Amino acid sequence: MRKKERFIKLDKEKVQEIAAIKNVSIVTVYGALKFQTQSPLAMLIRMWALNNGGKLFEEVDNPYETVERI
């Protein structure tokens, strides 16, 4: 079973704003938004992003997939 993908979509300007506020690189912010890191800083970045216009996208199983082919 493969890992389901999820990420937070956020405007480039907001990404730059987070990087400036937390004094980290833009790469660090994008890594947190792609859930590549699980540090307290990454969780803080995700929380800030979601509370400032970011949208969470998560891959889900297809609820319409049939077991039998018709």
PDB file of N, CA and C in Angstrom:
ATOM      1  N   MET A   1       0.845  -1.182   0.000  1.00  0.00           N
ATOM      2  CA  MET A   1       0.000   0.000   0.000  1.00  0.00           C
ATOM      3  C   MET A   1       0.887   1.242   0.000  1.00  0.00           C
ATOM      4  N   ARG A   2       0.661   2.105  -0.949  1.00  0.00           N
ATOM      5  CA  ARG A   2       1.495   3.292  -1.041  1.00  0.00           C
ATOM      6  C   ARG A   2       0.965   4.396  -0.135  1.00  0.00           C
ATOM      7  N   LYS A   3       1.861   5.287   0.226  1.00  0.00           N
ATOM      8  CA  LYS A   3       1.511   6.402   1.095  1.00  0.00           C
ATOM      9  C   LYS A   3       0.644   7.394   0.328  1.00  0.00           C
ATOM     10  N   LYS A   4      -0.402   7.875   0.956  1.00  0.00           N
ATOM     11  CA  LYS A   4      -1.284   8.853   0.319  1.00  0.00           C
ATOM     12  C   LYS A   4      -0.660  10.234   0.405  1.00  0.00           C
ATOM     13  N   GLU A   5      -0.765  10.940  -0.686  1.00  0.00           N
ATOM     14  CA  GLU A   5      -0.150  12.252  -0.786  1.00  0.00           C
ATOM     15  C   GLU A   5      -1.044  13.327  -0.173  1.00  0.00           C
ATOM     16  N   ARG A   6      -0.411  14.316   0.451  1.00  0.00           N
ATOM     17  CA  ARG A   6      -1.143  15.486   0.939  1.00  0.00           C
ATOM     18  C   ARG A   6      -0.204  16.684   0.950  1.00  0.00           C
ATOM     19  N   PHE A   7      -0.790  17.851   0.769  1.00  0.00           N
ATOM     20  CA  PHE A   7      -0.007  19.077   0.755  1.00  0.00           C
ATOM     21  C   PHE A   7      -0.918  20.257   1.034  1.00  0.00           C
ATOM     22  N   ILE A   8      -0.317  21.359   1.402  1.00  0.00           N
ATOM     23  CA  ILE A   8      -1.049  22.601   1.631  1.00  0.00           C
ATOM     24  C   ILE A   8      -0.662  23.566   0.518  1.00  0.00           C
ATOM     25  N   LYS A   9      -1.663  24.057  -0.185  1.00  0.00           N
ATOM     26  CA  LYS A   9      -1.433  25.027  -1.258  1.00  0.00           C
ATOM     27  C   LYS A   9      -1.544  26.429  -0.662  1.00  0.00           C
ATOM     28  N   LEU A  10      -0.531  27.237  -0.950  1.00  0.00           N
ATOM     29  CA  LEU A  10      -0.469  28.591  -0.390  1.00  0.00           C
ATOM     30  C   LEU A  10       0.170  29.523  -1.409  1.00  0.00           C
ATOM     31  N   ASP A  11      -0.322  30.744  -1.471  1.00  0.00           N
ATOM     32  CA  ASP A  11       0.238  31.731  -2.395  1.00  0.00           C
ATOM     33  C   ASP A  11       1.719  31.951  -2.130  1.00  0.00           C
ATOM     34  N   LYS A  12       2.446  32.218  -3.204  1.00  0.00           N
ATOM     35  CA  LYS A  12       3.896  32.432  -3.117  1.00  0.00           C
ATOM     36  C   LYS A  12       4.245  33.569  -2.151  1.00  0.00           C
ATOM     37  N   GLU A  13       3.442  34.620  -2.163  1.00  0.00           N
ATOM     38  CA  GLU A  13       3.701  35.766  -1.279  1.00  0.00           C
ATOM     39  C   GLU A  13       3.597  35.351   0.189  1.00  0.00           C
ATOM     40  N   LYS A  14       2.622  34.497   0.500  1.00  0.00           N
ATOM     41  CA  LYS A  14       2.456  34.027   1.880  1.00  0.00           C
ATOM     42  C   LYS A  14       3.609  33.110   2.278  1.00  0.00           C
ATOM     43  N   VAL A  15       4.089  32.305   1.332  1.00  0.00           N
ATOM     44  CA  VAL A  15       5.243  31.429   1.605  1.00  0.00           C
ATOM     45  C   VAL A  15       6.446  32.297   1.955  1.00  0.00           C
ATOM     46  N   GLN A  16       6.666  33.352   1.180  1.00  0.00           N
ATOM     47  CA  GLN A  16       7.779  34.260   1.445  1.00  0.00           C
ATOM     48  C   GLN A  16       7.601  34.969   2.790  1.00  0.00           C
ATOM     49  N   GLU A  17       6.365  35.306   3.120  1.00  0.00           N
ATOM     50  CA  GLU A  17       6.073  35.965   4.389  1.00  0.00           C
ATOM     51  C   GLU A  17       6.400  35.037   5.570  1.00  0.00           C
ATOM     52  N   ILE A  18       5.992  33.775   5.467  1.00  0.00           N
ATOM     53  CA  ILE A  18       6.295  32.809   6.533  1.00  0.00           C
ATOM     54  C   ILE A  18       7.810  32.668   6.687  1.00  0.00           C
ATOM     55  N   ALA A  19       8.515  32.535   5.563  1.00  0.00           N
ATOM     56  CA  ALA A  19       9.974  32.375   5.607  1.00  0.00           C
ATOM     57  C   ALA A  19      10.626  33.567   6.310  1.00  0.00           C
ATOM     58  N   ALA A  20      10.140  34.769   6.004  1.00  0.00           N
ATOM     59  CA  ALA A  20      10.706  35.970   6.627  1.00  0.00           C
ATOM     60  C   ALA A  20      10.389  36.033   8.123  1.00  0.00           C
ATOM     61  N   ILE A  21       9.147  35.695   8.487  1.00  0.00           N
ATOM     62  CA  ILE A  21       8.732  35.751   9.891  1.00  0.00           C
ATOM     63  C   ILE A  21       9.519  34.760  10.737  1.00  0.00           C
ATOM     64  N   LYS A  22       9.677  33.535  10.230  1.00  0.00           N
ATOM     65  CA  LYS A  22      10.361  32.482  10.998  1.00  0.00           C
ATOM     66  C   LYS A  22      11.864  32.452  10.736  1.00  0.00           C
ATOM     67  N   ASN A  23      12.351  33.320   9.858  1.00  0.00           N
ATOM     68  CA  ASN A  23      13.766  33.395   9.517  1.00  0.00           C
ATOM     69  C   ASN A  23      14.311  32.042   9.030  1.00  0.00           C
ATOM     70  N   VAL A  24      13.570  31.444   8.094  1.00  0.00           N
ATOM     71  CA  VAL A  24      13.973  30.181   7.471  1.00  0.00           C
ATOM     72  C   VAL A  24      13.928  30.349   5.958  1.00  0.00           C
ATOM     73  N   SER A  25      14.455  29.367   5.242  1.00  0.00           N
ATOM     74  CA  SER A  25      14.456  29.449   3.779  1.00  0.00           C
ATOM     75  C   SER A  25      13.077  29.094   3.219  1.00  0.00           C
ATOM     76  N   ILE A  26      12.850  29.504   1.995  1.00  0.00           N
ATOM     77  CA  ILE A  26      11.610  29.171   1.293  1.00  0.00           C
ATOM     78  C   ILE A  26      11.516  27.658   1.102  1.00  0.00           C
ATOM     79  N   VAL A  27      12.652  27.003   0.900  1.00  0.00           N
ATOM     80  CA  VAL A  27      12.680  25.539   0.751  1.00  0.00           C
ATOM     81  C   VAL A  27      12.157  24.871   2.025  1.00  0.00           C
ATOM     82  N   THR A  28      12.502  25.409   3.172  1.00  0.00           N
ATOM     83  CA  THR A  28      12.032  24.876   4.451  1.00  0.00           C
ATOM     84  C   THR A  28      10.511  24.982   4.541  1.00  0.00           C
ATOM     85  N   VAL A  29       9.970  26.115   4.122  1.00  0.00           N
ATOM     86  CA  VAL A  29       8.518  26.316   4.165  1.00  0.00           C
ATOM     87  C   VAL A  29       7.825  25.335   3.221  1.00  0.00           C
ATOM     88  N   TYR A  30       8.325  25.209   1.990  1.00  0.00           N
ATOM     89  CA  TYR A  30       7.707  24.278   1.044  1.00  0.00           C
ATOM     90  C   TYR A  30       7.810  22.832   1.539  1.00  0.00           C
ATOM     91  N   GLY A  31       8.902  22.476   2.183  1.00  0.00           N
ATOM     92  CA  GLY A  31       9.038  21.135   2.747  1.00  0.00           C
ATOM     93  C   GLY A  31       7.974  20.860   3.799  1.00  0.00           C
ATOM     94  N   ALA A  32       7.704  21.852   4.631  1.00  0.00           N
ATOM     95  CA  ALA A  32       6.661  21.707   5.650  1.00  0.00           C
ATOM     96  C   ALA A  32       5.285  21.606   5.002  1.00  0.00           C
ATOM     97  N   LEU A  33       5.041  22.417   3.967  1.00  0.00           N
ATOM     98  CA  LEU A  33       3.740  22.404   3.306  1.00  0.00           C
ATOM     99  C   LEU A  33       3.484  21.102   2.542  1.00  0.00           C
ATOM    100  N   LYS A  34       4.558  20.404   2.179  1.00  0.00           N
ATOM    101  CA  LYS A  34       4.427  19.111   1.495  1.00  0.00           C
ATOM    102  C   LYS A  34       4.492  17.939   2.475  1.00  0.00           C
ATOM    103  N   PHE A  35       4.503  18.237   3.783  1.00  0.00           N
ATOM    104  CA  PHE A  35       4.550  17.230   4.845  1.00  0.00           C
ATOM    105  C   PHE A  35       5.788  16.347   4.742  1.00  0.00           C
ATOM    106  N   GLN A  36       6.900  16.901   4.248  1.00  0.00           N
ATOM    107  CA  GLN A  36       8.157  16.165   4.163  1.00  0.00           C
ATOM    108  C   GLN A  36       8.889  16.162   5.494  1.00  0.00           C
ATOM    109  N   THR A  37       8.534  17.087   6.376  1.00  0.00           N
ATOM    110  CA  THR A  37       9.140  17.165   7.700  1.00  0.00           C
ATOM    111  C   THR A  37       8.039  17.161   8.755  1.00  0.00           C
ATOM    112  N   GLN A  38       8.392  16.691   9.956  1.00  0.00           N
ATOM    113  CA  GLN A  38       7.411  16.588  11.040  1.00  0.00           C
ATOM    114  C   GLN A  38       7.883  17.297  12.316  1.00  0.00           C
ATOM    115  N   SER A  39       8.780  18.238  12.160  1.00  0.00           N
ATOM    116  CA  SER A  39       9.320  18.948  13.324  1.00  0.00           C
ATOM    117  C   SER A  39       8.279  19.909  13.897  1.00  0.00           C
ATOM    118  N   PRO A  40       8.502  20.387  15.124  1.00  0.00           N
ATOM    119  CA  PRO A  40       7.600  21.402  15.685  1.00  0.00           C
ATOM    120  C   PRO A  40       7.506  22.647  14.794  1.00  0.00           C
ATOM    121  N   LEU A  41       8.628  23.045  14.193  1.00  0.00           N
ATOM    122  CA  LEU A  41       8.614  24.191  13.279  1.00  0.00           C
ATOM    123  C   LEU A  41       7.729  23.910  12.068  1.00  0.00           C
ATOM    124  N   ALA A  42       7.829  22.712  11.505  1.00  0.00           N
ATOM    125  CA  ALA A  42       7.004  22.351  10.338  1.00  0.00           C
ATOM    126  C   ALA A  42       5.523  22.380  10.700  1.00  0.00           C
ATOM    127  N   MET A  43       5.182  21.885  11.879  1.00  0.00           N
ATOM    128  CA  MET A  43       3.778  21.909  12.322  1.00  0.00           C
ATOM    129  C   MET A  43       3.288  23.347  12.502  1.00  0.00           C
ATOM    130  N   LEU A  44       4.158  24.213  13.030  1.00  0.00           N
ATOM    131  CA  LEU A  44       3.817  25.624  13.203  1.00  0.00           C
ATOM    132  C   LEU A  44       3.599  26.293  11.842  1.00  0.00           C
ATOM    133  N   ILE A  45       4.449  25.997  10.880  1.00  0.00           N
ATOM    134  CA  ILE A  45       4.316  26.553   9.527  1.00  0.00           C
ATOM    135  C   ILE A  45       2.993  26.107   8.908  1.00  0.00           C
ATOM    136  N   ARG A  46       2.658  24.817   9.043  1.00  0.00           N
ATOM    137  CA  ARG A  46       1.391  24.314   8.484  1.00  0.00           C
ATOM    138  C   ARG A  46       0.192  24.965   9.156  1.00  0.00           C
ATOM    139  N   MET A  47       0.250  25.124  10.470  1.00  0.00           N
ATOM    140  CA  MET A  47      -0.836  25.765  11.195  1.00  0.00           C
ATOM    141  C   MET A  47      -1.017  27.207  10.721  1.00  0.00           C
ATOM    142  N   TRP A  48       0.081  27.928  10.611  1.00  0.00           N
ATOM    143  CA  TRP A  48       0.019  29.320  10.167  1.00  0.00           C
ATOM    144  C   TRP A  48      -0.558  29.391   8.755  1.00  0.00           C
ATOM    145  N   ALA A  49      -0.100  28.484   7.881  1.00  0.00           N
ATOM    146  CA  ALA A  49      -0.556  28.484   6.495  1.00  0.00           C
ATOM    147  C   ALA A  49      -2.065  28.243   6.412  1.00  0.00           C
ATOM    148  N   LEU A  50      -2.555  27.259   7.142  1.00  0.00           N
ATOM    149  CA  LEU A  50      -3.984  26.943   7.109  1.00  0.00           C
ATOM    150  C   LEU A  50      -4.834  28.050   7.708  1.00  0.00           C
ATOM    151  N   ASN A  51      -4.290  28.787   8.663  1.00  0.00           N
ATOM    152  CA  ASN A  51      -5.029  29.891   9.280  1.00  0.00           C
ATOM    153  C   ASN A  51      -4.908  31.194   8.500  1.00  0.00           C
ATOM    154  N   ASN A  52      -4.131  31.168   7.416  1.00  0.00           N
ATOM    155  CA  ASN A  52      -3.931  32.381   6.612  1.00  0.00           C
ATOM    156  C   ASN A  52      -4.179  32.132   5.129  1.00  0.00           C
ATOM    157  N   GLY A  53      -5.184  31.343   4.839  1.00  0.00           N
ATOM    158  CA  GLY A  53      -5.611  31.178   3.452  1.00  0.00           C
ATOM    159  C   GLY A  53      -5.127  29.926   2.749  1.00  0.00           C
ATOM    160  N   GLY A  54      -4.325  29.124   3.387  1.00  0.00           N
ATOM    161  CA  GLY A  54      -3.852  27.888   2.765  1.00  0.00           C
ATOM    162  C   GLY A  54      -4.960  26.856   2.676  1.00  0.00           C
ATOM    163  N   LYS A  55      -4.879  25.985   1.690  1.00  0.00           N
ATOM    164  CA  LYS A  55      -5.873  24.927   1.483  1.00  0.00           C
ATOM    165  C   LYS A  55      -5.176  23.576   1.547  1.00  0.00           C
ATOM    166  N   LEU A  56      -5.728  22.669   2.338  1.00  0.00           N
ATOM    167  CA  LEU A  56      -5.172  21.326   2.484  1.00  0.00           C
ATOM    168  C   LEU A  56      -5.771  20.419   1.417  1.00  0.00           C
ATOM    169  N   PHE A  57      -4.898  19.723   0.686  1.00  0.00           N
ATOM    170  CA  PHE A  57      -5.314  18.752  -0.318  1.00  0.00           C
ATOM    171  C   PHE A  57      -4.802  17.395   0.122  1.00  0.00           C
ATOM    172  N   GLU A  58      -5.701  16.410   0.114  1.00  0.00           N
ATOM    173  CA  GLU A  58      -5.349  15.076   0.571  1.00  0.00           C
ATOM    174  C   GLU A  58      -5.893  14.046  -0.410  1.00  0.00           C
ATOM    175  N   GLU A  59      -5.049  13.097  -0.780  1.00  0.00           N
ATOM    176  CA  GLU A  59      -5.464  12.024  -1.673  1.00  0.00           C
ATOM    177  C   GLU A  59      -6.346  11.050  -0.882  1.00  0.00           C
ATOM    178  N   VAL A  60      -7.466  10.666  -1.483  1.00  0.00           N
ATOM    179  CA  VAL A  60      -8.373   9.714  -0.839  1.00  0.00           C
ATOM    180  C   VAL A  60      -8.665   8.562  -1.797  1.00  0.00           C
ATOM    181  N   ASP A  61      -9.135   7.469  -1.233  1.00  0.00           N
ATOM    182  CA  ASP A  61      -9.539   6.342  -2.066  1.00  0.00           C
ATOM    183  C   ASP A  61     -10.770   6.719  -2.868  1.00  0.00           C
ATOM    184  N   ASN A  62     -10.891   6.119  -4.040  1.00  0.00           N
ATOM    185  CA  ASN A  62     -12.035   6.373  -4.911  1.00  0.00           C
ATOM    186  C   ASN A  62     -13.278   5.698  -4.326  1.00  0.00           C
ATOM    187  N   PRO A  63     -14.271   6.476  -3.874  1.00  0.00           N
ATOM    188  CA  PRO A  63     -15.469   5.870  -3.293  1.00  0.00           C
ATOM    189  C   PRO A  63     -16.368   5.231  -4.353  1.00  0.00           C
ATOM    190  N   TYR A  64     -16.099   5.491  -5.619  1.00  0.00           N
ATOM    191  CA  TYR A  64     -16.928   4.982  -6.702  1.00  0.00           C
ATOM    192  C   TYR A  64     -16.322   3.772  -7.393  1.00  0.00           C
ATOM    193  N   GLU A  65     -15.184   3.315  -6.898  1.00  0.00           N
ATOM    194  CA  GLU A  65     -14.531   2.165  -7.496  1.00  0.00           C
ATOM    195  C   GLU A  65     -15.377   0.912  -7.240  1.00  0.00           C
ATOM    196  N   THR A  66     -15.644   0.179  -8.282  1.00  0.00           N
ATOM    197  CA  THR A  66     -16.460  -1.034  -8.142  1.00  0.00           C
ATOM    198  C   THR A  66     -15.583  -2.247  -7.932  1.00  0.00           C
ATOM    199  N   VAL A  67     -16.108  -3.195  -7.212  1.00  0.00           N
ATOM    200  CA  VAL A  67     -15.387  -4.438  -6.975  1.00  0.00           C
ATOM    201  C   VAL A  67     -15.486  -5.311  -8.203  1.00  0.00           C
ATOM    202  N   GLU A  68     -16.639  -5.374  -8.791  1.00  0.00           N
ATOM    203  CA  GLU A  68     -16.843  -6.187  -9.994  1.00  0.00           C
ATOM    204  C   GLU A  68     -16.945  -5.276 -11.214  1.00  0.00           C
ATOM    205  N   ARG A  69     -16.382  -5.737 -12.289  1.00  0.00           N
ATOM    206  CA  ARG A  69     -16.475  -4.984 -13.542  1.00  0.00           C
ATOM    207  C   ARG A  69     -17.791  -5.330 -14.221  1.00  0.00           C
ATOM    208  N   ILE A  70     -18.487  -4.350 -14.686  1.00  0.00           N
ATOM    209  CA  ILE A  70     -19.772  -4.587 -15.368  1.00  0.00           C
ATOM    210  C   ILE A  70     -19.543  -4.828 -16.830  1.00  0.00           C
TER     211      ILE A  70
END
